[in-house]
């Protein structure tokens, strides 16, 4: 699942298409594809986990949800959700939802790693956090997003995971708990010994 830093990388990878006109639009998305035809791309932007394709009078917002992916000048054995073709090259978006009105925020990797870094349990209630802990959460999420971006560009992100998908807590040397928590039952990896719950 692409997270915020991965979307920044996508934005960098598609810069060659900035200023180009779309000559063909296809895919199984339910958006008005005809609106995109012959439009000139003015810019690409990222916002959280959203990828924005900017045109003169409107912006297309792509949200990759849990299992989205993309290909640039490369086919995949699947029908793309949306395919944008130019005179030279194309961008395909797979299994993603478009034009979502939900703020993306960070994904599971960032959530698990940040909570482990700041020793906070994933079942903590935001409204119960002391101001100092809330500031720590915000600052460390930002810090980890930049680390994520750097490691992702070097193809070494997984080697830096301390909690996400790990079996043993590196601080306590006891097994992590793996559970599906919260409103959306997102996968969490945490240590009941060193991660404090605020409730």
Protein backbone atom coordinates (compact mmCIF):
# COMPACT_ATOMS: atom_id res chain seq x y z
CA UNK A 1 0.00 0.00 0.00
CA UNK A 2 1.52 3.33 -0.98
CA UNK A 3 1.95 5.70 1.97
CA UNK A 4 2.67 9.42 1.89
CA UNK A 5 6.41 9.18 1.16
CA UNK A 6 5.74 6.68 -1.66
CA UNK A 7 3.33 9.17 -3.22
CA UNK A 8 6.10 11.81 -3.13
CA UNK A 9 8.29 9.37 -5.08
CA UNK A 10 5.48 8.82 -7.61
CA UNK A 11 5.18 12.59 -8.02
CA UNK A 12 8.90 12.76 -8.83
CA UNK A 13 8.69 9.84 -11.28
CA UNK A 14 5.89 11.34 -13.42
CA UNK A 15 7.40 14.80 -13.92
CA UNK A 16 8.16 13.90 -17.58
CA UNK A 17 4.38 14.04 -18.25
CA UNK A 18 3.92 17.55 -16.87
CA UNK A 19 2.77 19.85 -19.69
CA UNK A 20 1.69 16.93 -21.90
CA UNK A 21 -1.78 16.43 -23.34
CA UNK A 22 -3.71 13.20 -22.67
CA UNK A 23 -4.53 11.46 -25.98
CA UNK A 24 -6.35 8.40 -24.58
CA UNK A 25 -8.17 7.54 -21.36
CA UNK A 26 -9.37 4.05 -20.42
CA UNK A 27 -9.97 1.80 -17.43
CA UNK A 28 -12.84 0.51 -15.33
CA UNK A 29 -13.21 3.60 -13.14
CA UNK A 30 -16.63 5.20 -12.90
CA UNK A 31 -15.37 8.78 -13.19
CA UNK A 32 -16.09 10.88 -16.30
CA UNK A 33 -13.11 9.72 -18.39
CA UNK A 34 -14.12 11.93 -21.33
CA UNK A 35 -13.41 14.98 -19.19
CA UNK A 36 -9.73 13.97 -19.09
CA UNK A 37 -9.34 13.44 -22.84
CA UNK A 38 -7.24 16.11 -24.58
CA UNK A 39 -6.56 17.86 -21.26
CA UNK A 40 -3.07 19.20 -20.63
CA UNK A 41 -1.49 18.30 -17.27
CA UNK A 42 -0.34 21.44 -15.49
CA UNK A 43 1.17 19.80 -12.41
CA UNK A 44 1.40 16.75 -10.15
CA UNK A 45 1.08 17.12 -6.39
CA UNK A 46 0.86 14.91 -3.35
CA UNK A 47 -1.14 15.35 -0.19
CA UNK A 48 -0.89 12.65 2.46
CA UNK A 49 -1.77 9.44 0.62
CA UNK A 50 -3.49 11.30 -2.21
CA UNK A 51 -1.90 11.79 -5.63
CA UNK A 52 -3.16 14.86 -7.47
CA UNK A 53 -3.13 15.30 -11.25
CA UNK A 54 -3.72 18.99 -11.92
CA UNK A 55 -5.38 20.49 -14.98
CA UNK A 56 -6.28 24.10 -15.80
CA UNK A 57 -9.81 24.00 -14.40
CA UNK A 58 -9.91 20.90 -12.16
CA UNK A 59 -7.81 18.35 -10.29
CA UNK A 60 -8.04 14.56 -10.34
CA UNK A 61 -7.44 13.06 -6.90
CA UNK A 62 -6.19 9.45 -6.76
CA UNK A 63 -6.30 7.51 -3.49
CA UNK A 64 -4.62 4.10 -3.52
CA UNK A 65 -6.48 2.74 -0.47
CA UNK A 66 -4.97 -0.53 0.85
CA UNK A 67 -3.94 -2.34 -2.31
CA UNK A 68 -3.40 0.30 -4.98
CA UNK A 69 -0.39 0.44 -7.27
CA UNK A 70 0.76 2.25 -10.39
CA UNK A 71 2.91 1.60 -13.42
CA UNK A 72 4.70 4.16 -15.59
CA UNK A 73 5.36 2.98 -19.17
CA UNK A 74 4.95 -0.58 -17.95
CA UNK A 75 2.04 -3.02 -18.31
CA UNK A 76 0.70 -5.37 -15.63
CA UNK A 77 -1.49 -8.45 -16.02
CA UNK A 78 -4.56 -6.65 -14.72
CA UNK A 79 -7.08 -4.18 -16.06
CA UNK A 80 -6.08 -0.73 -14.83
CA UNK A 81 -8.56 1.30 -12.84
CA UNK A 82 -7.42 4.28 -14.90
CA UNK A 83 -4.96 4.55 -17.80
CA UNK A 84 -3.70 7.92 -19.04
CA UNK A 85 -1.86 7.80 -22.39
CA UNK A 86 0.29 10.49 -23.94
CA UNK A 87 2.11 10.71 -27.29
CA UNK A 88 5.12 9.20 -25.54
CA UNK A 89 4.29 7.03 -22.55
CA UNK A 90 1.47 6.24 -20.19
CA UNK A 91 0.54 6.00 -16.51
CA UNK A 92 -1.67 3.15 -15.25
CA UNK A 93 -3.35 3.13 -11.85
CA UNK A 94 -4.41 -0.29 -10.53
CA UNK A 95 -6.95 -1.23 -7.86
CA UNK A 96 -7.22 2.27 -6.49
CA UNK A 97 -10.20 4.43 -5.75
CA UNK A 98 -10.44 7.84 -7.31
CA UNK A 99 -11.73 11.19 -6.11
CA UNK A 100 -12.04 10.22 -2.44
CA UNK A 101 -13.09 12.78 0.14
CA UNK A 102 -11.30 11.10 3.05
CA UNK A 103 -8.09 12.51 4.52
CA UNK A 104 -5.51 9.79 4.08
CA UNK A 105 -3.02 10.39 6.85
CA UNK A 106 -0.31 7.86 7.50
CA UNK A 107 -0.70 4.15 6.82
CA UNK A 108 -0.03 1.04 8.84
CA UNK A 109 3.75 1.10 8.50
CA UNK A 110 4.10 4.68 9.73
CA UNK A 111 1.48 4.12 12.46
CA UNK A 112 3.18 0.98 13.82
CA UNK A 113 6.68 2.42 13.67
CA UNK A 114 5.83 5.81 15.18
CA UNK A 115 3.82 4.32 18.04
CA UNK A 116 6.72 1.98 18.80
CA UNK A 117 9.25 4.85 18.66
CA UNK A 118 7.27 6.94 21.15
CA UNK A 119 6.28 3.94 23.33
CA UNK A 120 2.54 4.44 22.86
CA UNK A 121 -0.02 1.63 22.63
CA UNK A 122 -2.22 1.63 19.47
CA UNK A 123 -5.43 1.50 21.55
CA UNK A 124 -4.60 4.84 23.17
CA UNK A 125 -7.34 7.48 22.94
CA UNK A 126 -6.10 10.69 21.29
CA UNK A 127 -8.28 12.85 23.56
CA UNK A 128 -6.59 11.33 26.62
CA UNK A 129 -3.02 12.14 25.55
CA UNK A 130 -1.11 14.73 27.58
CA UNK A 131 -0.05 17.69 25.42
CA UNK A 132 3.59 16.58 25.56
CA UNK A 133 2.72 13.10 24.23
CA UNK A 134 0.47 14.53 21.51
CA UNK A 135 3.28 16.83 20.34
CA UNK A 136 5.66 13.88 20.38
CA UNK A 137 3.22 11.88 18.22
CA UNK A 138 2.91 14.70 15.68
CA UNK A 139 6.66 15.40 15.51
CA UNK A 140 7.65 11.75 15.29
CA UNK A 141 5.10 11.07 12.55
CA UNK A 142 6.69 13.87 10.53
CA UNK A 143 10.21 12.60 11.30
CA UNK A 144 9.35 9.04 10.37
CA UNK A 145 7.72 10.15 7.10
CA UNK A 146 11.03 11.74 6.05
CA UNK A 147 12.96 8.63 7.13
CA UNK A 148 10.46 6.50 5.18
CA UNK A 149 11.00 8.61 2.06
CA UNK A 150 14.79 8.36 2.29
CA UNK A 151 14.78 4.60 2.95
CA UNK A 152 12.18 3.93 0.23
CA UNK A 153 14.31 5.71 -2.36
CA UNK A 154 17.26 3.51 -1.34
CA UNK A 155 15.09 0.35 -1.48
CA UNK A 156 15.87 -0.39 2.16
CA UNK A 157 12.65 0.51 3.97
CA UNK A 158 11.95 -2.96 5.40
CA UNK A 159 15.37 -3.30 6.93
CA UNK A 160 14.58 -0.34 9.23
CA UNK A 161 11.29 -1.67 10.58
CA UNK A 162 11.39 -2.06 14.35
CA UNK A 163 7.73 -3.04 14.86
CA UNK A 164 5.81 -3.42 11.60
CA UNK A 165 5.54 -7.15 10.72
CA UNK A 166 8.18 -7.97 13.33
CA UNK A 167 7.82 -10.87 15.77
CA UNK A 168 9.99 -9.77 18.73
CA UNK A 169 10.17 -6.42 20.50
CA UNK A 170 13.77 -5.18 20.18
CA UNK A 171 13.49 -3.32 23.51
CA UNK A 172 11.96 -6.05 25.67
CA UNK A 173 12.95 -9.18 23.75
CA UNK A 174 9.41 -10.58 24.08
CA UNK A 175 6.90 -11.40 21.30
CA UNK A 176 5.02 -8.53 19.69
CA UNK A 177 1.25 -8.74 19.70
CA UNK A 178 -0.31 -8.75 16.24
CA UNK A 179 -3.91 -7.63 16.18
CA UNK A 180 -6.47 -5.92 13.94
CA UNK A 181 -7.54 -2.81 15.85
CA UNK A 182 -9.66 0.29 15.57
CA UNK A 183 -12.71 1.19 13.54
CA UNK A 184 -11.23 -0.21 10.33
CA UNK A 185 -9.50 -3.21 11.93
CA UNK A 186 -6.05 -2.16 10.71
CA UNK A 187 -3.15 -4.51 11.33
CA UNK A 188 -1.09 -3.49 14.35
CA UNK A 189 2.16 -4.79 15.81
CA UNK A 190 2.94 -3.65 19.35
CA UNK A 191 4.52 -4.54 22.67
CA UNK A 192 2.22 -4.67 25.71
CA UNK A 193 5.24 -4.25 27.98
CA UNK A 194 6.86 -1.03 26.73
CA UNK A 195 4.04 0.73 24.84
CA UNK A 196 1.87 2.66 27.30
CA UNK A 197 -1.88 2.91 26.77
CA UNK A 198 -3.59 6.28 27.32
CA UNK A 199 -7.33 5.81 28.00
